[in-house]
PDB file of N, CA and C in Angstrom:
ATOM      1  N   MET A   1     -14.222  72.867  -8.100  1.00  0.00           N
ATOM      2  CA  MET A   1     -15.506  72.787  -8.780  1.00  0.00           C
ATOM      3  C   MET A   1     -15.673  74.025  -9.653  1.00  0.00           C
ATOM      4  N   TRP A   2     -15.940  73.811 -10.913  1.00  0.00           N
ATOM      5  CA  TRP A   2     -16.096  74.913 -11.859  1.00  0.00           C
ATOM      6  C   TRP A   2     -17.406  75.634 -11.615  1.00  0.00           C
ATOM      7  N   ARG A   3     -17.322  76.936 -11.403  1.00  0.00           N
ATOM      8  CA  ARG A   3     -18.514  77.773 -11.266  1.00  0.00           C
ATOM      9  C   ARG A   3     -18.412  78.871 -12.305  1.00  0.00           C
ATOM     10  N   GLU A   4     -19.386  78.911 -13.195  1.00  0.00           N
ATOM     11  CA  GLU A   4     -19.347  79.841 -14.309  1.00  0.00           C
ATOM     12  C   GLU A   4     -19.332  81.294 -13.868  1.00  0.00           C
ATOM     13  N   GLU A   5     -19.979  81.620 -12.763  1.00  0.00           N
ATOM     14  CA  GLU A   5     -20.054  83.012 -12.319  1.00  0.00           C
ATOM     15  C   GLU A   5     -18.776  83.480 -11.643  1.00  0.00           C
ATOM     16  N   ALA A   6     -17.872  82.570 -11.347  1.00  0.00           N
ATOM     17  CA  ALA A   6     -16.630  82.911 -10.663  1.00  0.00           C
ATOM     18  C   ALA A   6     -15.625  83.534 -11.632  1.00  0.00           C
ATOM     19  N   VAL A   7     -14.619  84.185 -11.064  1.00  0.00           N
ATOM     20  CA  VAL A   7     -13.495  84.714 -11.828  1.00  0.00           C
ATOM     21  C   VAL A   7     -12.325  83.778 -11.557  1.00  0.00           C
ATOM     22  N   TRP A   8     -11.666  83.339 -12.623  1.00  0.00           N
ATOM     23  CA  TRP A   8     -10.623  82.334 -12.510  1.00  0.00           C
ATOM     24  C   TRP A   8      -9.268  82.921 -12.845  1.00  0.00           C
ATOM     25  N   ARG A   9      -8.240  82.455 -12.149  1.00  0.00           N
ATOM     26  CA  ARG A   9      -6.857  82.865 -12.370  1.00  0.00           C
ATOM     27  C   ARG A   9      -6.158  81.754 -13.151  1.00  0.00           C
ATOM     28  N   LEU A  10      -5.483  82.125 -14.233  1.00  0.00           N
ATOM     29  CA  LEU A  10      -4.734  81.171 -15.045  1.00  0.00           C
ATOM     30  C   LEU A  10      -3.264  81.241 -14.667  1.00  0.00           C
ATOM     31  N   PHE A  11      -2.676  80.105 -14.370  1.00  0.00           N
ATOM     32  CA  PHE A  11      -1.236  80.005 -14.185  1.00  0.00           C
ATOM     33  C   PHE A  11      -0.666  79.628 -15.550  1.00  0.00           C
ATOM     34  N   ALA A  12      -0.219  80.648 -16.269  1.00  0.00           N
ATOM     35  CA  ALA A  12       0.136  80.474 -17.674  1.00  0.00           C
ATOM     36  C   ALA A  12       1.234  79.453 -17.891  1.00  0.00           C
ATOM     37  N   GLU A  13       2.139  79.295 -16.937  1.00  0.00           N
ATOM     38  CA  GLU A  13       3.260  78.377 -17.121  1.00  0.00           C
ATOM     39  C   GLU A  13       2.832  76.915 -17.132  1.00  0.00           C
ATOM     40  N   THR A  14       1.753  76.606 -16.436  1.00  0.00           N
ATOM     41  CA  THR A  14       1.326  75.209 -16.322  1.00  0.00           C
ATOM     42  C   THR A  14      -0.033  74.946 -16.945  1.00  0.00           C
ATOM     43  N   GLY A  15      -0.796  76.000 -17.208  1.00  0.00           N
ATOM     44  CA  GLY A  15      -2.147  75.833 -17.734  1.00  0.00           C
ATOM     45  C   GLY A  15      -3.174  75.557 -16.644  1.00  0.00           C
ATOM     46  N   ASP A  16      -2.749  75.562 -15.379  1.00  0.00           N
ATOM     47  CA  ASP A  16      -3.676  75.336 -14.268  1.00  0.00           C
ATOM     48  C   ASP A  16      -4.521  76.579 -14.038  1.00  0.00           C
ATOM     49  N   VAL A  17      -5.715  76.374 -13.504  1.00  0.00           N
ATOM     50  CA  VAL A  17      -6.578  77.485 -13.124  1.00  0.00           C
ATOM     51  C   VAL A  17      -7.062  77.284 -11.698  1.00  0.00           C
ATOM     52  N   GLU A  18      -7.344  78.393 -11.035  1.00  0.00           N
ATOM     53  CA  GLU A  18      -7.949  78.337  -9.708  1.00  0.00           C
ATOM     54  C   GLU A  18      -8.920  79.496  -9.573  1.00  0.00           C
ATOM     55  N   GLU A  19      -9.898  79.303  -8.736  1.00  0.00           N
ATOM     56  CA  GLU A  19     -10.880  80.366  -8.527  1.00  0.00           C
ATOM     57  C   GLU A  19     -10.218  81.521  -7.803  1.00  0.00           C
ATOM     58  N   MET A  20     -10.409  82.714  -8.344  1.00  0.00           N
ATOM     59  CA  MET A  20      -9.827  83.920  -7.759  1.00  0.00           C
ATOM     60  C   MET A  20     -10.874  84.707  -6.973  1.00  0.00           C
ATOM     61  N   ALA A  21     -12.089  84.707  -7.468  1.00  0.00           N
ATOM     62  CA  ALA A  21     -13.181  85.426  -6.815  1.00  0.00           C
ATOM     63  C   ALA A  21     -14.481  84.712  -7.149  1.00  0.00           C
ATOM     64  N   GLY A  22     -15.431  84.793  -6.230  1.00  0.00           N
ATOM     65  CA  GLY A  22     -16.697  84.101  -6.409  1.00  0.00           C
ATOM     66  C   GLY A  22     -17.612  84.735  -7.436  1.00  0.00           C
ATOM     67  N   SER A  23     -17.331  86.003  -7.777  1.00  0.00           N
ATOM     68  CA  SER A  23     -18.166  86.707  -8.750  1.00  0.00           C
ATOM     69  C   SER A  23     -17.358  87.862  -9.323  1.00  0.00           C
ATOM     70  N   LEU A  24     -17.873  88.449 -10.390  1.00  0.00           N
ATOM     71  CA  LEU A  24     -17.217  89.600 -10.979  1.00  0.00           C
ATOM     72  C   LEU A  24     -17.223  90.777 -10.005  1.00  0.00           C
ATOM     73  N   GLU A  25     -18.290  90.932  -9.248  1.00  0.00           N
ATOM     74  CA  GLU A  25     -18.368  92.010  -8.257  1.00  0.00           C
ATOM     75  C   GLU A  25     -17.287  91.846  -7.192  1.00  0.00           C
ATOM     76  N   GLU A  26     -17.088  90.610  -6.721  1.00  0.00           N
ATOM     77  CA  GLU A  26     -16.050  90.333  -5.721  1.00  0.00           C
ATOM     78  C   GLU A  26     -14.655  90.627  -6.296  1.00  0.00           C
ATOM     79  N   PHE A  27     -14.452  90.270  -7.553  1.00  0.00           N
ATOM     80  CA  PHE A  27     -13.187  90.560  -8.214  1.00  0.00           C
ATOM     81  C   PHE A  27     -12.912  92.063  -8.226  1.00  0.00           C
ATOM     82  N   TRP A  28     -13.909  92.859  -8.659  1.00  0.00           N
ATOM     83  CA  TRP A  28     -13.712  94.311  -8.733  1.00  0.00           C
ATOM     84  C   TRP A  28     -13.503  94.923  -7.364  1.00  0.00           C
ATOM     85  N   GLU A  29     -14.135  94.383  -6.337  1.00  0.00           N
ATOM     86  CA  GLU A  29     -13.886  94.868  -4.970  1.00  0.00           C
ATOM     87  C   GLU A  29     -12.420  94.663  -4.598  1.00  0.00           C
ATOM     88  N   GLY A  30     -11.877  93.504  -4.922  1.00  0.00           N
ATOM     89  CA  GLY A  30     -10.466  93.235  -4.644  1.00  0.00           C
ATOM     90  C   GLY A  30      -9.542  94.152  -5.417  1.00  0.00           C
ATOM     91  N   VAL A  31      -9.834  94.353  -6.696  1.00  0.00           N
ATOM     92  CA  VAL A  31      -9.016  95.236  -7.526  1.00  0.00           C
ATOM     93  C   VAL A  31      -9.079  96.661  -7.000  1.00  0.00           C
ATOM     94  N   ASN A  32     -10.267  97.143  -6.695  1.00  0.00           N
ATOM     95  CA  ASN A  32     -10.417  98.524  -6.219  1.00  0.00           C
ATOM     96  C   ASN A  32      -9.818  98.738  -4.841  1.00  0.00           C
ATOM     97  N   GLY A  33      -9.764  97.683  -4.021  1.00  0.00           N
ATOM     98  CA  GLY A  33      -9.197  97.797  -2.688  1.00  0.00           C
ATOM     99  C   GLY A  33      -7.675  97.888  -2.698  1.00  0.00           C
ATOM    100  N   ASP A  34      -7.011  97.120  -3.552  1.00  0.00           N
ATOM    101  CA  ASP A  34      -5.542  97.089  -3.616  1.00  0.00           C
ATOM    102  C   ASP A  34      -5.141  96.415  -4.915  1.00  0.00           C
ATOM    103  N   VAL A  35      -5.139  97.162  -6.001  1.00  0.00           N
ATOM    104  CA  VAL A  35      -4.895  96.571  -7.315  1.00  0.00           C
ATOM    105  C   VAL A  35      -3.544  95.874  -7.379  1.00  0.00           C
ATOM    106  N   GLU A  36      -2.488  96.478  -6.856  1.00  0.00           N
ATOM    107  CA  GLU A  36      -1.161  95.877  -6.951  1.00  0.00           C
ATOM    108  C   GLU A  36      -1.077  94.587  -6.142  1.00  0.00           C
ATOM    109  N   GLY A  37      -1.586  94.586  -4.941  1.00  0.00           N
ATOM    110  CA  GLY A  37      -1.546  93.391  -4.103  1.00  0.00           C
ATOM    111  C   GLY A  37      -2.479  92.304  -4.590  1.00  0.00           C
ATOM    112  N   TYR A  38      -3.678  92.685  -4.993  1.00  0.00           N
ATOM    113  CA  TYR A  38      -4.682  91.705  -5.419  1.00  0.00           C
ATOM    114  C   TYR A  38      -4.285  91.001  -6.703  1.00  0.00           C
ATOM    115  N   LEU A  39      -3.740  91.758  -7.643  1.00  0.00           N
ATOM    116  CA  LEU A  39      -3.353  91.177  -8.932  1.00  0.00           C
ATOM    117  C   LEU A  39      -1.865  90.856  -9.002  1.00  0.00           C
ATOM    118  N   ASN A  40      -1.122  91.190  -7.942  1.00  0.00           N
ATOM    119  CA  ASN A  40       0.317  90.940  -7.892  1.00  0.00           C
ATOM    120  C   ASN A  40       1.028  91.605  -9.070  1.00  0.00           C
ATOM    121  N   VAL A  41       0.753  92.894  -9.252  1.00  0.00           N
ATOM    122  CA  VAL A  41       1.366  93.665 -10.335  1.00  0.00           C
ATOM    123  C   VAL A  41       1.822  95.011  -9.785  1.00  0.00           C
ATOM    124  N   GLY A  42       2.742  95.623 -10.476  1.00  0.00           N
ATOM    125  CA  GLY A  42       3.148  96.985 -10.168  1.00  0.00           C
ATOM    126  C   GLY A  42       2.623  97.911 -11.245  1.00  0.00           C
ATOM    127  N   LYS A  43       2.022  99.016 -10.844  1.00  0.00           N
ATOM    128  CA  LYS A  43       1.487  99.964 -11.822  1.00  0.00           C
ATOM    129  C   LYS A  43       2.608 100.804 -12.410  1.00  0.00           C
ATOM    130  N   GLY A  44       2.498 101.104 -13.680  1.00  0.00           N
ATOM    131  CA  GLY A  44       3.418 102.022 -14.327  1.00  0.00           C
ATOM    132  C   GLY A  44       4.764 101.426 -14.688  1.00  0.00           C
ATOM    133  N   GLU A  45       4.952 100.147 -14.554  1.00  0.00           N
ATOM    134  CA  GLU A  45       6.243  99.539 -14.840  1.00  0.00           C
ATOM    135  C   GLU A  45       6.338  99.013 -16.267  1.00  0.00           C
ATOM    136  N   LEU A  46       5.230  98.814 -16.906  1.00  0.00           N
ATOM    137  CA  LEU A  46       5.217  98.248 -18.251  1.00  0.00           C
ATOM    138  C   LEU A  46       4.567  99.209 -19.233  1.00  0.00           C
ATOM    139  N   GLU A  47       5.016  99.117 -20.461  1.00  0.00           N
ATOM    140  CA  GLU A  47       4.379  99.859 -21.540  1.00  0.00           C
ATOM    141  C   GLU A  47       3.159  99.066 -22.008  1.00  0.00           C
ATOM    142  N   PRO A  48       2.186  99.721 -22.620  1.00  0.00           N
ATOM    143  CA  PRO A  48       1.061  98.967 -23.185  1.00  0.00           C
ATOM    144  C   PRO A  48       1.569  97.896 -24.148  1.00  0.00           C
ATOM    145  N   GLY A  49       1.015  96.701 -24.033  1.00  0.00           N
ATOM    146  CA  GLY A  49       1.415  95.599 -24.899  1.00  0.00           C
ATOM    147  C   GLY A  49       2.592  94.799 -24.385  1.00  0.00           C
ATOM    148  N   GLN A  50       3.082  95.121 -23.181  1.00  0.00           N
ATOM    149  CA  GLN A  50       4.186  94.380 -22.588  1.00  0.00           C
ATOM    150  C   GLN A  50       3.713  93.530 -21.419  1.00  0.00           C
ATOM    151  N   LEU A  51       4.417  92.430 -21.187  1.00  0.00           N
ATOM    152  CA  LEU A  51       4.237  91.602 -20.001  1.00  0.00           C
ATOM    153  C   LEU A  51       5.617  91.283 -19.442  1.00  0.00           C
ATOM    154  N   VAL A  52       5.646  90.797 -18.213  1.00  0.00           N
ATOM    155  CA  VAL A  52       6.908  90.392 -17.598  1.00  0.00           C
ATOM    156  C   VAL A  52       7.053  88.891 -17.751  1.00  0.00           C
ATOM    157  N   LEU A  53       8.219  88.464 -18.190  1.00  0.00           N
ATOM    158  CA  LEU A  53       8.523  87.054 -18.335  1.00  0.00           C
ATOM    159  C   LEU A  53       9.592  86.718 -17.301  1.00  0.00           C
ATOM    160  N   ALA A  54       9.310  85.717 -16.457  1.00  0.00           N
ATOM    161  CA  ALA A  54      10.244  85.288 -15.416  1.00  0.00           C
ATOM    162  C   ALA A  54      10.977  84.036 -15.877  1.00  0.00           C
ATOM    163  N   TYR A  55      12.299  84.008 -15.613  1.00  0.00           N
ATOM    164  CA  TYR A  55      13.067  82.808 -15.909  1.00  0.00           C
ATOM    165  C   TYR A  55      14.092  82.596 -14.808  1.00  0.00           C
ATOM    166  N   PRO A  56      14.139  81.411 -14.207  1.00  0.00           N
ATOM    167  CA  PRO A  56      13.336  80.246 -14.532  1.00  0.00           C
ATOM    168  C   PRO A  56      11.873  80.479 -14.163  1.00  0.00           C
ATOM    169  N   PRO A  57      10.969  79.768 -14.839  1.00  0.00           N
ATOM    170  CA  PRO A  57       9.536  79.945 -14.585  1.00  0.00           C
ATOM    171  C   PRO A  57       9.183  79.656 -13.123  1.00  0.00           C
ATOM    172  N   PHE A  58       8.160  80.318 -12.621  1.00  0.00           N
ATOM    173  CA  PHE A  58       7.740  80.168 -11.229  1.00  0.00           C
ATOM    174  C   PHE A  58       7.273  78.758 -10.885  1.00  0.00           C
ATOM    175  N   CYS A  59       6.942  77.955 -11.877  1.00  0.00           N
ATOM    176  CA  CYS A  59       6.413  76.618 -11.613  1.00  0.00           C
ATOM    177  C   CYS A  59       7.513  75.601 -11.317  1.00  0.00           C
ATOM    178  N   VAL A  60       8.773  76.002 -11.339  1.00  0.00           N
ATOM    179  CA  VAL A  60       9.862  75.076 -11.038  1.00  0.00           C
ATOM    180  C   VAL A  60      10.554  75.490  -9.747  1.00  0.00           C
ATOM    181  N   GLU A  61      11.138  74.512  -9.074  1.00  0.00           N
ATOM    182  CA  GLU A  61      11.778  74.748  -7.782  1.00  0.00           C
ATOM    183  C   GLU A  61      12.869  75.818  -7.855  1.00  0.00           C
ATOM    184  N   GLU A  62      13.607  75.846  -8.928  1.00  0.00           N
ATOM    185  CA  GLU A  62      14.711  76.789  -9.077  1.00  0.00           C
ATOM    186  C   GLU A  62      14.262  78.236  -9.105  1.00  0.00           C
ATOM    187  N   SER A  63      12.970  78.477  -9.236  1.00  0.00           N
ATOM    188  CA  SER A  63      12.486  79.858  -9.290  1.00  0.00           C
ATOM    189  C   SER A  63      12.653  80.561  -7.947  1.00  0.00           C
ATOM    190  N   GLY A  64      12.985  79.831  -6.908  1.00  0.00           N
ATOM    191  CA  GLY A  64      13.195  80.445  -5.598  1.00  0.00           C
ATOM    192  C   GLY A  64      14.504  81.203  -5.491  1.00  0.00           C
ATOM    193  N   ARG A  65      15.368  81.090  -6.497  1.00  0.00           N
ATOM    194  CA  ARG A  65      16.655  81.779  -6.449  1.00  0.00           C
ATOM    195  C   ARG A  65      17.050  82.241  -7.858  1.00  0.00           C
ATOM    196  N   ASN A  66      17.649  83.401  -7.907  1.00  0.00           N
ATOM    197  CA  ASN A  66      18.194  83.941  -9.154  1.00  0.00           C
ATOM    198  C   ASN A  66      17.193  83.992 -10.298  1.00  0.00           C
ATOM    199  N   VAL A  67      16.014  84.490 -10.036  1.00  0.00           N
ATOM    200  CA  VAL A  67      15.023  84.652 -11.100  1.00  0.00           C
ATOM    201  C   VAL A  67      15.329  85.940 -11.852  1.00  0.00           C
ATOM    202  N   GLY A  68      15.304  85.839 -13.162  1.00  0.00           N
ATOM    203  CA  GLY A  68      15.462  87.019 -13.994  1.00  0.00           C
ATOM    204  C   GLY A  68      14.111  87.434 -14.551  1.00  0.00           C
ATOM    205  N   PHE A  69      13.888  88.720 -14.660  1.00  0.00           N
ATOM    206  CA  PHE A  69      12.633  89.248 -15.184  1.00  0.00           C
ATOM    207  C   PHE A  69      12.927  90.094 -16.405  1.00  0.00           C
ATOM    208  N   SER A  70      12.163  89.852 -17.456  1.00  0.00           N
ATOM    209  CA  SER A  70      12.325  90.610 -18.691  1.00  0.00           C
ATOM    210  C   SER A  70      10.984  91.179 -19.120  1.00  0.00           C
ATOM    211  N   LYS A  71      11.004  92.421 -19.578  1.00  0.00           N
ATOM    212  CA  LYS A  71       9.824  93.006 -20.206  1.00  0.00           C
ATOM    213  C   LYS A  71       9.843  92.558 -21.658  1.00  0.00           C
ATOM    214  N   VAL A  72       8.772  91.913 -22.083  1.00  0.00           N
ATOM    215  CA  VAL A  72       8.701  91.400 -23.452  1.00  0.00           C
ATOM    216  C   VAL A  72       7.341  91.748 -24.050  1.00  0.00           C
ATOM    217  N   PRO A  73       7.247  91.730 -25.375  1.00  0.00           N
ATOM    218  CA  PRO A  73       5.932  91.927 -25.990  1.00  0.00           C
ATOM    219  C   PRO A  73       4.960  90.853 -25.483  1.00  0.00           C
ATOM    220  N   ALA A  74       3.726  91.247 -25.239  1.00  0.00           N
ATOM    221  CA  ALA A  74       2.726  90.330 -24.687  1.00  0.00           C
ATOM    222  C   ALA A  74       2.591  89.068 -25.530  1.00  0.00           C
ATOM    223  N   GLN A  75       2.620  89.203 -26.835  1.00  0.00           N
ATOM    224  CA  GLN A  75       2.476  88.044 -27.722  1.00  0.00           C
ATOM    225  C   GLN A  75       3.592  87.027 -27.476  1.00  0.00           C
ATOM    226  N   GLU A  76       4.808  87.502 -27.224  1.00  0.00           N
ATOM    227  CA  GLU A  76       5.947  86.624 -26.955  1.00  0.00           C
ATOM    228  C   GLU A  76       5.761  85.883 -25.627  1.00  0.00           C
ATOM    229  N   ALA A  77       5.328  86.595 -24.597  1.00  0.00           N
ATOM    230  CA  ALA A  77       5.109  85.970 -23.289  1.00  0.00           C
ATOM    231  C   ALA A  77       3.994  84.935 -23.352  1.00  0.00           C
ATOM    232  N   ILE A  78       2.915  85.251 -24.035  1.00  0.00           N
ATOM    233  CA  ILE A  78       1.791  84.317 -24.158  1.00  0.00           C
ATOM    234  C   ILE A  78       2.224  83.071 -24.916  1.00  0.00           C
ATOM    235  N   ALA A  79       2.962  83.242 -25.995  1.00  0.00           N
ATOM    236  CA  ALA A  79       3.439  82.087 -26.769  1.00  0.00           C
ATOM    237  C   ALA A  79       4.381  81.222 -25.941  1.00  0.00           C
ATOM    238  N   PHE A  80       5.283  81.847 -25.179  1.00  0.00           N
ATOM    239  CA  PHE A  80       6.202  81.096 -24.325  1.00  0.00           C
ATOM    240  C   PHE A  80       5.435  80.273 -23.298  1.00  0.00           C
ATOM    241  N   HIS A  81       4.484  80.912 -22.615  1.00  0.00           N
ATOM    242  CA  HIS A  81       3.715  80.208 -21.579  1.00  0.00           C
ATOM    243  C   HIS A  81       2.860  79.087 -22.168  1.00  0.00           C
ATOM    244  N   ALA A  82       2.291  79.310 -23.340  1.00  0.00           N
ATOM    245  CA  ALA A  82       1.483  78.266 -23.982  1.00  0.00           C
ATOM    246  C   ALA A  82       2.351  77.058 -24.334  1.00  0.00           C
ATOM    247  N   THR A  83       3.527  77.309 -24.884  1.00  0.00           N
ATOM    248  CA  THR A  83       4.441  76.219 -25.227  1.00  0.00           C
ATOM    249  C   THR A  83       4.893  75.482 -23.977  1.00  0.00           C
ATOM    250  N   LEU A  84       5.252  76.217 -22.945  1.00  0.00           N
ATOM    251  CA  LEU A  84       5.696  75.603 -21.694  1.00  0.00           C
ATOM    252  C   LEU A  84       4.584  74.760 -21.070  1.00  0.00           C
ATOM    253  N   ALA A  85       3.371  75.282 -21.024  1.00  0.00           N
ATOM    254  CA  ALA A  85       2.248  74.540 -20.446  1.00  0.00           C
ATOM    255  C   ALA A  85       1.984  73.250 -21.216  1.00  0.00           C
ATOM    256  N   ARG A  86       2.061  73.306 -22.543  1.00  0.00           N
ATOM    257  CA  ARG A  86       1.866  72.089 -23.351  1.00  0.00           C
ATOM    258  C   ARG A  86       2.940  71.055 -23.032  1.00  0.00           C
ATOM    259  N   GLN A  87       4.173  71.497 -22.870  1.00  0.00           N
ATOM    260  CA  GLN A  87       5.270  70.575 -22.615  1.00  0.00           C
ATOM    261  C   GLN A  87       5.227  69.997 -21.199  1.00  0.00           C
ATOM    262  N   LEU A  88       4.685  70.740 -20.247  1.00  0.00           N
ATOM    263  CA  LEU A  88       4.676  70.292 -18.855  1.00  0.00           C
ATOM    264  C   LEU A  88       3.390  69.574 -18.442  1.00  0.00           C
ATOM    265  N   LYS A  89       2.376  69.551 -19.296  1.00  0.00           N
ATOM    266  CA  LYS A  89       1.054  69.067 -18.885  1.00  0.00           C
ATOM    267  C   LYS A  89       1.058  67.631 -18.374  1.00  0.00           C
ATOM    268  N   ASP A  90       1.927  66.777 -18.873  1.00  0.00           N
ATOM    269  CA  ASP A  90       1.949  65.382 -18.435  1.00  0.00           C
ATOM    270  C   ASP A  90       3.138  65.056 -17.543  1.00  0.00           C
ATOM    271  N   VAL A  91       3.896  66.066 -17.150  1.00  0.00           N
ATOM    272  CA  VAL A  91       5.048  65.842 -16.277  1.00  0.00           C
ATOM    273  C   VAL A  91       4.540  65.781 -14.836  1.00  0.00           C
ATOM    274  N   PRO A  92       4.855  64.703 -14.104  1.00  0.00           N
ATOM    275  CA  PRO A  92       4.380  64.601 -12.727  1.00  0.00           C
ATOM    276  C   PRO A  92       5.049  65.642 -11.823  1.00  0.00           C
ATOM    277  N   GLU A  93       4.330  66.059 -10.793  1.00  0.00           N
ATOM    278  CA  GLU A  93       4.865  67.027  -9.845  1.00  0.00           C
ATOM    279  C   GLU A  93       6.134  66.470  -9.214  1.00  0.00           C
ATOM    280  N   GLY A  94       7.154  67.307  -9.120  1.00  0.00           N
ATOM    281  CA  GLY A  94       8.416  66.905  -8.532  1.00  0.00           C
ATOM    282  C   GLY A  94       9.411  66.300  -9.509  1.00  0.00           C
ATOM    283  N   ALA A  95       8.992  66.059 -10.750  1.00  0.00           N
ATOM    284  CA  ALA A  95       9.887  65.480 -11.752  1.00  0.00           C
ATOM    285  C   ALA A  95      10.940  66.503 -12.165  1.00  0.00           C
ATOM    286  N   LYS A  96      12.065  66.024 -12.608  1.00  0.00           N
ATOM    287  CA  LYS A  96      13.115  66.905 -13.109  1.00  0.00           C
ATOM    288  C   LYS A  96      12.871  67.179 -14.584  1.00  0.00           C
ATOM    289  N   VAL A  97      13.084  68.427 -14.969  1.00  0.00           N
ATOM    290  CA  VAL A  97      12.938  68.828 -16.365  1.00  0.00           C
ATOM    291  C   VAL A  97      14.192  69.581 -16.772  1.00  0.00           C
ATOM    292  N   LYS A  98      14.484  69.575 -18.048  1.00  0.00           N
ATOM    293  CA  LYS A  98      15.628  70.300 -18.587  1.00  0.00           C
ATOM    294  C   LYS A  98      15.104  71.264 -19.642  1.00  0.00           C
ATOM    295  N   PHE A  99      15.521  72.523 -19.524  1.00  0.00           N
ATOM    296  CA  PHE A  99      15.098  73.517 -20.489  1.00  0.00           C
ATOM    297  C   PHE A  99      16.189  73.688 -21.539  1.00  0.00           C
ATOM    298  N   ASN A 100      15.794  73.643 -22.778  1.00  0.00           N
ATOM    299  CA  ASN A 100      16.679  73.943 -23.900  1.00  0.00           C
ATOM    300  C   ASN A 100      16.208  75.255 -24.496  1.00  0.00           C
ATOM    301  N   ILE A 101      17.009  76.279 -24.358  1.00  0.00           N
ATOM    302  CA  ILE A 101      16.638  77.593 -24.841  1.00  0.00           C
ATOM    303  C   ILE A 101      17.208  77.760 -26.249  1.00  0.00           C
ATOM    304  N   GLY A 102      16.322  78.021 -27.189  1.00  0.00           N
ATOM    305  CA  GLY A 102      16.736  78.177 -28.588  1.00  0.00           C
ATOM    306  C   GLY A 102      16.174  79.436 -29.175  1.00  0.00           C
ATOM    307  N   ASP A 103      16.412  79.605 -30.453  1.00  0.00           N
ATOM    308  CA  ASP A 103      15.904  80.787 -31.151  1.00  0.00           C
ATOM    309  C   ASP A 103      14.438  80.671 -31.409  1.00  0.00           C
TER     310      ASP A 103
END
């Protein structure tokens, strides 16, 4: 159920969202209590403007083994996730997909 006052987490690979905290105050309490654990990030590992891109993406079964992580410009990671989410939006859960990596 969508609640406007809640803080929502976006799963960029699929475009799915889920409630992360019931309010902005609750969100900040979680961040202040354990920023790395709450947000699942490591501090000091990225330069400003960088994000981590995982391949294979976490939304596929193969992500349980041999995942590679790359530091990439944030714009590149956002574009990749947006394209992937658009392509996967109508794929049923459990379906097989094939990735074609191009330029």
